[in-house]
Amino acid sequence: MNLCEQCGYHLKMSSSDRIELSIDPGTWEPMDEDMVSLDPIEFHSEEEPYKNRIDSYQRKTGLTEAVQTGIGQLDGINVAIAVMDFSLWG
């Protein structure tokens, strides 16, 4: 799963790729896809405004949140999983 054959380094993998590799084909049912990040406390950043960072991440990844949740099957066993996508903060 995205390992360097020479040194064993774990290469970056999107949450969507990880789900596709882990969950049995045709069994993935995402949850909370309509959940979006807000900035209710008006988080201050010296770099780029928080809202702009979130908007940029959403455009770049096509995701609304950094964590994808859902249910599916892993080797025929029903599972519920949450997978973090580190493209934003990681």
PDB file of N, CA and C in Angstrom:
ATOM      1  N   MET A   1       0.835  -1.194   0.000  1.00  0.00           N
ATOM      2  CA  MET A   1       0.000   0.000   0.000  1.00  0.00           C
ATOM      3  C   MET A   1       0.875   1.251   0.000  1.00  0.00           C
ATOM      4  N   ASN A   2       1.316   1.641  -1.154  1.00  0.00           N
ATOM      5  CA  ASN A   2       2.126   2.846  -1.318  1.00  0.00           C
ATOM      6  C   ASN A   2       3.395   2.850  -0.476  1.00  0.00           C
ATOM      7  N   LEU A   3       4.126   1.762  -0.517  1.00  0.00           N
ATOM      8  CA  LEU A   3       5.405   1.666   0.177  1.00  0.00           C
ATOM      9  C   LEU A   3       6.537   1.711  -0.833  1.00  0.00           C
ATOM     10  N   CYS A   4       7.607   2.417  -0.497  1.00  0.00           N
ATOM     11  CA  CYS A   4       8.803   2.405  -1.320  1.00  0.00           C
ATOM     12  C   CYS A   4       9.455   1.032  -1.169  1.00  0.00           C
ATOM     13  N   GLU A   5       9.674   0.350  -2.279  1.00  0.00           N
ATOM     14  CA  GLU A   5      10.264  -0.986  -2.233  1.00  0.00           C
ATOM     15  C   GLU A   5      11.720  -0.959  -1.787  1.00  0.00           C
ATOM     16  N   GLN A   6      12.382   0.173  -1.951  1.00  0.00           N
ATOM     17  CA  GLN A   6      13.792   0.285  -1.582  1.00  0.00           C
ATOM     18  C   GLN A   6      13.999   0.530  -0.083  1.00  0.00           C
ATOM     19  N   CYS A   7      13.208   1.450   0.476  1.00  0.00           N
ATOM     20  CA  CYS A   7      13.466   1.858   1.865  1.00  0.00           C
ATOM     21  C   CYS A   7      12.302   1.621   2.816  1.00  0.00           C
ATOM     22  N   GLY A   8      11.131   1.257   2.302  1.00  0.00           N
ATOM     23  CA  GLY A   8       9.980   1.021   3.168  1.00  0.00           C
ATOM     24  C   GLY A   8       9.222   2.277   3.559  1.00  0.00           C
ATOM     25  N   TYR A   9       9.580   3.427   2.962  1.00  0.00           N
ATOM     26  CA  TYR A   9       8.906   4.689   3.270  1.00  0.00           C
ATOM     27  C   TYR A   9       7.437   4.615   2.853  1.00  0.00           C
ATOM     28  N   HIS A  10       6.559   5.088   3.710  1.00  0.00           N
ATOM     29  CA  HIS A  10       5.129   5.124   3.402  1.00  0.00           C
ATOM     30  C   HIS A  10       4.835   6.381   2.584  1.00  0.00           C
ATOM     31  N   LEU A  11       4.466   6.192   1.336  1.00  0.00           N
ATOM     32  CA  LEU A  11       4.132   7.308   0.462  1.00  0.00           C
ATOM     33  C   LEU A  11       2.740   7.840   0.804  1.00  0.00           C
ATOM     34  N   LYS A  12       2.487   9.095   0.447  1.00  0.00           N
ATOM     35  CA  LYS A  12       1.180   9.693   0.727  1.00  0.00           C
ATOM     36  C   LYS A  12       0.090   8.986  -0.066  1.00  0.00           C
ATOM     37  N   MET A  13      -1.076   8.890   0.562  1.00  0.00           N
ATOM     38  CA  MET A  13      -2.232   8.266  -0.079  1.00  0.00           C
ATOM     39  C   MET A  13      -3.467   9.055   0.335  1.00  0.00           C
ATOM     40  N   SER A  14      -4.310   9.362  -0.620  1.00  0.00           N
ATOM     41  CA  SER A  14      -5.536  10.093  -0.291  1.00  0.00           C
ATOM     42  C   SER A  14      -6.492   9.182   0.475  1.00  0.00           C
ATOM     43  N   SER A  15      -7.423   9.787   1.167  1.00  0.00           N
ATOM     44  CA  SER A  15      -8.408   8.989   1.904  1.00  0.00           C
ATOM     45  C   SER A  15      -9.256   8.165   0.941  1.00  0.00           C
ATOM     46  N   SER A  16      -9.558   8.714  -0.221  1.00  0.00           N
ATOM     47  CA  SER A  16     -10.353   7.968  -1.208  1.00  0.00           C
ATOM     48  C   SER A  16      -9.599   6.743  -1.712  1.00  0.00           C
ATOM     49  N   ASP A  17      -8.295   6.901  -1.967  1.00  0.00           N
ATOM     50  CA  ASP A  17      -7.483   5.756  -2.399  1.00  0.00           C
ATOM     51  C   ASP A  17      -7.406   4.696  -1.305  1.00  0.00           C
ATOM     52  N   ARG A  18      -7.245   5.141  -0.058  1.00  0.00           N
ATOM     53  CA  ARG A  18      -7.152   4.185   1.055  1.00  0.00           C
ATOM     54  C   ARG A  18      -8.460   3.402   1.207  1.00  0.00           C
ATOM     55  N   ILE A  19      -9.584   4.082   1.065  1.00  0.00           N
ATOM     56  CA  ILE A  19     -10.885   3.408   1.145  1.00  0.00           C
ATOM     57  C   ILE A  19     -11.012   2.401   0.009  1.00  0.00           C
ATOM     58  N   GLU A  20     -10.642   2.819  -1.197  1.00  0.00           N
ATOM     59  CA  GLU A  20     -10.740   1.927  -2.358  1.00  0.00           C
ATOM     60  C   GLU A  20      -9.881   0.674  -2.180  1.00  0.00           C
ATOM     61  N   LEU A  21      -8.701   0.826  -1.587  1.00  0.00           N
ATOM     62  CA  LEU A  21      -7.817  -0.321  -1.374  1.00  0.00           C
ATOM     63  C   LEU A  21      -8.262  -1.206  -0.213  1.00  0.00           C
ATOM     64  N   SER A  22      -8.961  -0.627   0.750  1.00  0.00           N
ATOM     65  CA  SER A  22      -9.301  -1.364   1.970  1.00  0.00           C
ATOM     66  C   SER A  22     -10.676  -2.023   1.941  1.00  0.00           C
ATOM     67  N   ILE A  23     -11.644  -1.355   1.348  1.00  0.00           N
ATOM     68  CA  ILE A  23     -13.036  -1.804   1.418  1.00  0.00           C
ATOM     69  C   ILE A  23     -13.388  -2.639   0.186  1.00  0.00           C
ATOM     70  N   ASP A  24     -14.153  -3.702   0.409  1.00  0.00           N
ATOM     71  CA  ASP A  24     -14.574  -4.568  -0.696  1.00  0.00           C
ATOM     72  C   ASP A  24     -15.317  -3.748  -1.754  1.00  0.00           C
ATOM     73  N   PRO A  25     -15.026  -4.004  -3.046  1.00  0.00           N
ATOM     74  CA  PRO A  25     -15.681  -3.261  -4.129  1.00  0.00           C
ATOM     75  C   PRO A  25     -17.212  -3.315  -4.028  1.00  0.00           C
ATOM     76  N   GLY A  26     -17.828  -2.144  -4.265  1.00  0.00           N
ATOM     77  CA  GLY A  26     -19.282  -2.059  -4.289  1.00  0.00           C
ATOM     78  C   GLY A  26     -19.964  -2.030  -2.941  1.00  0.00           C
ATOM     79  N   THR A  27     -19.185  -2.000  -1.842  1.00  0.00           N
ATOM     80  CA  THR A  27     -19.813  -2.031  -0.514  1.00  0.00           C
ATOM     81  C   THR A  27     -19.706  -0.702   0.240  1.00  0.00           C
ATOM     82  N   TRP A  28     -18.951   0.275  -0.265  1.00  0.00           N
ATOM     83  CA  TRP A  28     -18.737   1.536   0.450  1.00  0.00           C
ATOM     84  C   TRP A  28     -19.980   2.410   0.401  1.00  0.00           C
ATOM     85  N   GLU A  29     -20.447   2.823   1.592  1.00  0.00           N
ATOM     86  CA  GLU A  29     -21.569   3.751   1.730  1.00  0.00           C
ATOM     87  C   GLU A  29     -21.119   4.900   2.623  1.00  0.00           C
ATOM     88  N   PRO A  30     -20.771   6.050   2.019  1.00  0.00           N
ATOM     89  CA  PRO A  30     -20.293   7.174   2.822  1.00  0.00           C
ATOM     90  C   PRO A  30     -21.378   7.726   3.738  1.00  0.00           C
ATOM     91  N   MET A  31     -20.941   8.307   4.844  1.00  0.00           N
ATOM     92  CA  MET A  31     -21.850   8.970   5.788  1.00  0.00           C
ATOM     93  C   MET A  31     -21.431  10.440   5.899  1.00  0.00           C
ATOM     94  N   ASP A  32     -22.373  11.291   6.164  1.00  0.00           N
ATOM     95  CA  ASP A  32     -22.119  12.710   6.452  1.00  0.00           C
ATOM     96  C   ASP A  32     -21.379  13.442   5.338  1.00  0.00           C
ATOM     97  N   GLU A  33     -21.653  13.095   4.082  1.00  0.00           N
ATOM     98  CA  GLU A  33     -20.985  13.774   2.967  1.00  0.00           C
ATOM     99  C   GLU A  33     -21.347  15.250   2.870  1.00  0.00           C
ATOM    100  N   ASP A  34     -22.482  15.630   3.437  1.00  0.00           N
ATOM    101  CA  ASP A  34     -22.910  17.023   3.352  1.00  0.00           C
ATOM    102  C   ASP A  34     -22.381  17.873   4.505  1.00  0.00           C
ATOM    103  N   MET A  35     -21.620  17.265   5.419  1.00  0.00           N
ATOM    104  CA  MET A  35     -21.041  18.009   6.534  1.00  0.00           C
ATOM    105  C   MET A  35     -19.896  18.881   6.014  1.00  0.00           C
ATOM    106  N   VAL A  36     -19.877  20.142   6.411  1.00  0.00           N
ATOM    107  CA  VAL A  36     -18.824  21.054   5.963  1.00  0.00           C
ATOM    108  C   VAL A  36     -18.223  21.794   7.149  1.00  0.00           C
ATOM    109  N   SER A  37     -16.966  22.183   6.990  1.00  0.00           N
ATOM    110  CA  SER A  37     -16.280  22.948   8.024  1.00  0.00           C
ATOM    111  C   SER A  37     -16.766  24.389   8.007  1.00  0.00           C
ATOM    112  N   LEU A  38     -16.980  24.921   9.184  1.00  0.00           N
ATOM    113  CA  LEU A  38     -17.334  26.323   9.356  1.00  0.00           C
ATOM    114  C   LEU A  38     -16.268  26.956  10.238  1.00  0.00           C
ATOM    115  N   ASP A  39     -16.383  28.216  10.486  1.00  0.00           N
ATOM    116  CA  ASP A  39     -15.441  28.911  11.359  1.00  0.00           C
ATOM    117  C   ASP A  39     -16.225  29.709  12.400  1.00  0.00           C
ATOM    118  N   PRO A  40     -16.968  29.021  13.303  1.00  0.00           N
ATOM    119  CA  PRO A  40     -17.839  29.732  14.239  1.00  0.00           C
ATOM    120  C   PRO A  40     -17.090  30.612  15.236  1.00  0.00           C
ATOM    121  N   ILE A  41     -15.836  30.300  15.525  1.00  0.00           N
ATOM    122  CA  ILE A  41     -15.084  31.132  16.479  1.00  0.00           C
ATOM    123  C   ILE A  41     -14.147  32.103  15.759  1.00  0.00           C
ATOM    124  N   GLU A  42     -14.272  32.179  14.426  1.00  0.00           N
ATOM    125  CA  GLU A  42     -13.457  33.081  13.617  1.00  0.00           C
ATOM    126  C   GLU A  42     -11.976  32.921  13.939  1.00  0.00           C
ATOM    127  N   PHE A  43     -11.495  31.695  13.731  1.00  0.00           N
ATOM    128  CA  PHE A  43     -10.104  31.330  14.001  1.00  0.00           C
ATOM    129  C   PHE A  43      -9.151  32.277  13.283  1.00  0.00           C
ATOM    130  N   HIS A  44      -8.174  32.798  14.017  1.00  0.00           N
ATOM    131  CA  HIS A  44      -7.214  33.746  13.453  1.00  0.00           C
ATOM    132  C   HIS A  44      -5.942  33.012  13.041  1.00  0.00           C
ATOM    133  N   SER A  45      -5.448  33.332  11.861  1.00  0.00           N
ATOM    134  CA  SER A  45      -4.204  32.749  11.364  1.00  0.00           C
ATOM    135  C   SER A  45      -3.338  33.862  10.803  1.00  0.00           C
ATOM    136  N   GLU A  46      -2.047  33.815  11.111  1.00  0.00           N
ATOM    137  CA  GLU A  46      -1.115  34.807  10.583  1.00  0.00           C
ATOM    138  C   GLU A  46      -0.884  34.594   9.091  1.00  0.00           C
ATOM    139  N   GLU A  47      -1.081  33.353   8.632  1.00  0.00           N
ATOM    140  CA  GLU A  47      -0.815  33.027   7.235  1.00  0.00           C
ATOM    141  C   GLU A  47      -2.009  33.427   6.374  1.00  0.00           C
ATOM    142  N   GLU A  48      -2.817  32.466   6.046  1.00  0.00           N
ATOM    143  CA  GLU A  48      -3.989  32.674   5.201  1.00  0.00           C
ATOM    144  C   GLU A  48      -5.228  32.522   6.075  1.00  0.00           C
ATOM    145  N   PRO A  49      -6.260  33.335   5.863  1.00  0.00           N
ATOM    146  CA  PRO A  49      -7.479  33.177   6.669  1.00  0.00           C
ATOM    147  C   PRO A  49      -7.991  31.731   6.632  1.00  0.00           C
ATOM    148  N   TYR A  50      -8.460  31.269   7.774  1.00  0.00           N
ATOM    149  CA  TYR A  50      -8.918  29.880   7.927  1.00  0.00           C
ATOM    150  C   TYR A  50      -9.952  29.509   6.868  1.00  0.00           C
ATOM    151  N   LYS A  51     -10.914  30.375   6.639  1.00  0.00           N
ATOM    152  CA  LYS A  51     -11.969  30.098   5.656  1.00  0.00           C
ATOM    153  C   LYS A  51     -11.363  29.902   4.263  1.00  0.00           C
ATOM    154  N   ASN A  52     -10.375  30.697   3.910  1.00  0.00           N
ATOM    155  CA  ASN A  52      -9.714  30.545   2.610  1.00  0.00           C
ATOM    156  C   ASN A  52      -8.969  29.218   2.523  1.00  0.00           C
ATOM    157  N   ARG A  53      -8.343  28.808   3.626  1.00  0.00           N
ATOM    158  CA  ARG A  53      -7.624  27.527   3.648  1.00  0.00           C
ATOM    159  C   ARG A  53      -8.596  26.371   3.444  1.00  0.00           C
ATOM    160  N   ILE A  54      -9.750  26.439   4.095  1.00  0.00           N
ATOM    161  CA  ILE A  54     -10.754  25.376   3.940  1.00  0.00           C
ATOM    162  C   ILE A  54     -11.273  25.342   2.504  1.00  0.00           C
ATOM    163  N   ASP A  55     -11.599  26.511   1.959  1.00  0.00           N
ATOM    164  CA  ASP A  55     -12.100  26.578   0.579  1.00  0.00           C
ATOM    165  C   ASP A  55     -11.081  26.006  -0.399  1.00  0.00           C
ATOM    166  N   SER A  56      -9.814  26.346  -0.207  1.00  0.00           N
ATOM    167  CA  SER A  56      -8.744  25.851  -1.076  1.00  0.00           C
ATOM    168  C   SER A  56      -8.635  24.329  -0.989  1.00  0.00           C
ATOM    169  N   TYR A  57      -8.691  23.799   0.228  1.00  0.00           N
ATOM    170  CA  TYR A  57      -8.630  22.346   0.437  1.00  0.00           C
ATOM    171  C   TYR A  57      -9.795  21.651  -0.259  1.00  0.00           C
ATOM    172  N   GLN A  58     -10.981  22.206  -0.116  1.00  0.00           N
ATOM    173  CA  GLN A  58     -12.162  21.587  -0.717  1.00  0.00           C
ATOM    174  C   GLN A  58     -12.054  21.568  -2.240  1.00  0.00           C
ATOM    175  N   ARG A  59     -11.546  22.643  -2.818  1.00  0.00           N
ATOM    176  CA  ARG A  59     -11.359  22.669  -4.277  1.00  0.00           C
ATOM    177  C   ARG A  59     -10.286  21.664  -4.706  1.00  0.00           C
ATOM    178  N   LYS A  60      -9.189  21.611  -3.955  1.00  0.00           N
ATOM    179  CA  LYS A  60      -8.055  20.744  -4.304  1.00  0.00           C
ATOM    180  C   LYS A  60      -8.400  19.259  -4.221  1.00  0.00           C
ATOM    181  N   THR A  61      -9.142  18.870  -3.196  1.00  0.00           N
ATOM    182  CA  THR A  61      -9.400  17.447  -2.955  1.00  0.00           C
ATOM    183  C   THR A  61     -10.771  16.975  -3.416  1.00  0.00           C
ATOM    184  N   GLY A  62     -11.716  17.898  -3.574  1.00  0.00           N
ATOM    185  CA  GLY A  62     -13.083  17.491  -3.888  1.00  0.00           C
ATOM    186  C   GLY A  62     -13.827  16.979  -2.669  1.00  0.00           C
ATOM    187  N   LEU A  63     -13.217  17.095  -1.492  1.00  0.00           N
ATOM    188  CA  LEU A  63     -13.837  16.668  -0.235  1.00  0.00           C
ATOM    189  C   LEU A  63     -14.350  17.884   0.517  1.00  0.00           C
ATOM    190  N   THR A  64     -15.368  17.682   1.353  1.00  0.00           N
ATOM    191  CA  THR A  64     -15.869  18.783   2.177  1.00  0.00           C
ATOM    192  C   THR A  64     -15.213  18.803   3.551  1.00  0.00           C
ATOM    193  N   GLU A  65     -14.647  17.690   3.977  1.00  0.00           N
ATOM    194  CA  GLU A  65     -14.011  17.554   5.287  1.00  0.00           C
ATOM    195  C   GLU A  65     -12.726  16.751   5.163  1.00  0.00           C
ATOM    196  N   ALA A  66     -11.871  16.832   6.171  1.00  0.00           N
ATOM    197  CA  ALA A  66     -10.605  16.098   6.165  1.00  0.00           C
ATOM    198  C   ALA A  66     -10.783  14.631   6.546  1.00  0.00           C
ATOM    199  N   VAL A  67     -11.958  14.264   7.038  1.00  0.00           N
ATOM    200  CA  VAL A  67     -12.213  12.875   7.427  1.00  0.00           C
ATOM    201  C   VAL A  67     -13.404  12.347   6.632  1.00  0.00           C
ATOM    202  N   GLN A  68     -13.217  11.199   6.005  1.00  0.00           N
ATOM    203  CA  GLN A  68     -14.327  10.510   5.338  1.00  0.00           C
ATOM    204  C   GLN A  68     -14.793   9.387   6.254  1.00  0.00           C
ATOM    205  N   THR A  69     -16.089   9.303   6.460  1.00  0.00           N
ATOM    206  CA  THR A  69     -16.658   8.234   7.278  1.00  0.00           C
ATOM    207  C   THR A  69     -17.652   7.449   6.444  1.00  0.00           C
ATOM    208  N   GLY A  70     -17.806   6.187   6.801  1.00  0.00           N
ATOM    209  CA  GLY A  70     -18.776   5.373   6.088  1.00  0.00           C
ATOM    210  C   GLY A  70     -18.774   3.936   6.565  1.00  0.00           C
ATOM    211  N   ILE A  71     -19.621   3.147   5.930  1.00  0.00           N
ATOM    212  CA  ILE A  71     -19.696   1.723   6.229  1.00  0.00           C
ATOM    213  C   ILE A  71     -19.430   0.952   4.944  1.00  0.00           C
ATOM    214  N   GLY A  72     -18.950  -0.245   5.109  1.00  0.00           N
ATOM    215  CA  GLY A  72     -18.657  -1.112   3.977  1.00  0.00           C
ATOM    216  C   GLY A  72     -18.271  -2.477   4.500  1.00  0.00           C
ATOM    217  N   GLN A  73     -17.630  -3.244   3.653  1.00  0.00           N
ATOM    218  CA  GLN A  73     -17.174  -4.568   4.065  1.00  0.00           C
ATOM    219  C   GLN A  73     -15.677  -4.687   3.827  1.00  0.00           C
ATOM    220  N   LEU A  74     -15.026  -5.355   4.751  1.00  0.00           N
ATOM    221  CA  LEU A  74     -13.602  -5.653   4.671  1.00  0.00           C
ATOM    222  C   LEU A  74     -13.480  -7.162   4.726  1.00  0.00           C
ATOM    223  N   ASP A  75     -13.116  -7.760   3.607  1.00  0.00           N
ATOM    224  CA  ASP A  75     -13.082  -9.226   3.500  1.00  0.00           C
ATOM    225  C   ASP A  75     -14.417  -9.841   3.909  1.00  0.00           C
ATOM    226  N   GLY A  76     -15.517  -9.197   3.498  1.00  0.00           N
ATOM    227  CA  GLY A  76     -16.849  -9.721   3.754  1.00  0.00           C
ATOM    228  C   GLY A  76     -17.409  -9.421   5.128  1.00  0.00           C
ATOM    229  N   ILE A  77     -16.654  -8.705   5.951  1.00  0.00           N
ATOM    230  CA  ILE A  77     -17.102  -8.354   7.304  1.00  0.00           C
ATOM    231  C   ILE A  77     -17.573  -6.901   7.300  1.00  0.00           C
ATOM    232  N   ASN A  78     -18.769  -6.651   7.846  1.00  0.00           N
ATOM    233  CA  ASN A  78     -19.290  -5.285   7.932  1.00  0.00           C
ATOM    234  C   ASN A  78     -18.420  -4.452   8.861  1.00  0.00           C
ATOM    235  N   VAL A  79     -18.026  -3.269   8.385  1.00  0.00           N
ATOM    236  CA  VAL A  79     -17.202  -2.363   9.188  1.00  0.00           C
ATOM    237  C   VAL A  79     -17.698  -0.931   9.020  1.00  0.00           C
ATOM    238  N   ALA A  80     -17.422  -0.123  10.015  1.00  0.00           N
ATOM    239  CA  ALA A  80     -17.610   1.324   9.933  1.00  0.00           C
ATOM    240  C   ALA A  80     -16.224   1.926  10.127  1.00  0.00           C
ATOM    241  N   ILE A  81     -15.828   2.827   9.234  1.00  0.00           N
ATOM    242  CA  ILE A  81     -14.481   3.392   9.336  1.00  0.00           C
ATOM    243  C   ILE A  81     -14.504   4.905   9.149  1.00  0.00           C
ATOM    244  N   ALA A  82     -13.462   5.534   9.655  1.00  0.00           N
ATOM    245  CA  ALA A  82     -13.186   6.949   9.425  1.00  0.00           C
ATOM    246  C   ALA A  82     -11.750   7.024   8.920  1.00  0.00           C
ATOM    247  N   VAL A  83     -11.558   7.717   7.813  1.00  0.00           N
ATOM    248  CA  VAL A  83     -10.237   7.805   7.201  1.00  0.00           C
ATOM    249  C   VAL A  83      -9.867   9.274   7.041  1.00  0.00           C
ATOM    250  N   MET A  84      -8.737   9.659   7.641  1.00  0.00           N
ATOM    251  CA  MET A  84      -8.258  11.035   7.576  1.00  0.00           C
ATOM    252  C   MET A  84      -7.513  11.263   6.270  1.00  0.00           C
ATOM    253  N   ASP A  85      -7.753  12.402   5.657  1.00  0.00           N
ATOM    254  CA  ASP A  85      -7.004  12.803   4.469  1.00  0.00           C
ATOM    255  C   ASP A  85      -6.073  13.937   4.896  1.00  0.00           C
ATOM    256  N   PHE A  86      -4.768  13.692   4.839  1.00  0.00           N
ATOM    257  CA  PHE A  86      -3.796  14.651   5.357  1.00  0.00           C
ATOM    258  C   PHE A  86      -3.394  15.717   4.343  1.00  0.00           C
ATOM    259  N   SER A  87      -4.110  15.809   3.229  1.00  0.00           N
ATOM    260  CA  SER A  87      -3.786  16.818   2.220  1.00  0.00           C
ATOM    261  C   SER A  87      -3.948  18.238   2.756  1.00  0.00           C
ATOM    262  N   LEU A  88      -4.808  18.418   3.732  1.00  0.00           N
ATOM    263  CA  LEU A  88      -5.068  19.760   4.259  1.00  0.00           C
ATOM    264  C   LEU A  88      -4.075  20.150   5.346  1.00  0.00           C
ATOM    265  N   TRP A  89      -4.019  19.408   6.415  1.00  0.00           N
ATOM    266  CA  TRP A  89      -3.220  19.810   7.570  1.00  0.00           C
ATOM    267  C   TRP A  89      -1.979  18.956   7.772  1.00  0.00           C
ATOM    268  N   GLY A  90      -1.904  17.802   7.143  1.00  0.00           N
ATOM    269  CA  GLY A  90      -0.834  16.845   7.434  1.00  0.00           C
ATOM    270  C   GLY A  90       0.462  17.085   6.745  1.00  0.00           C
TER     271      GLY A  90
END
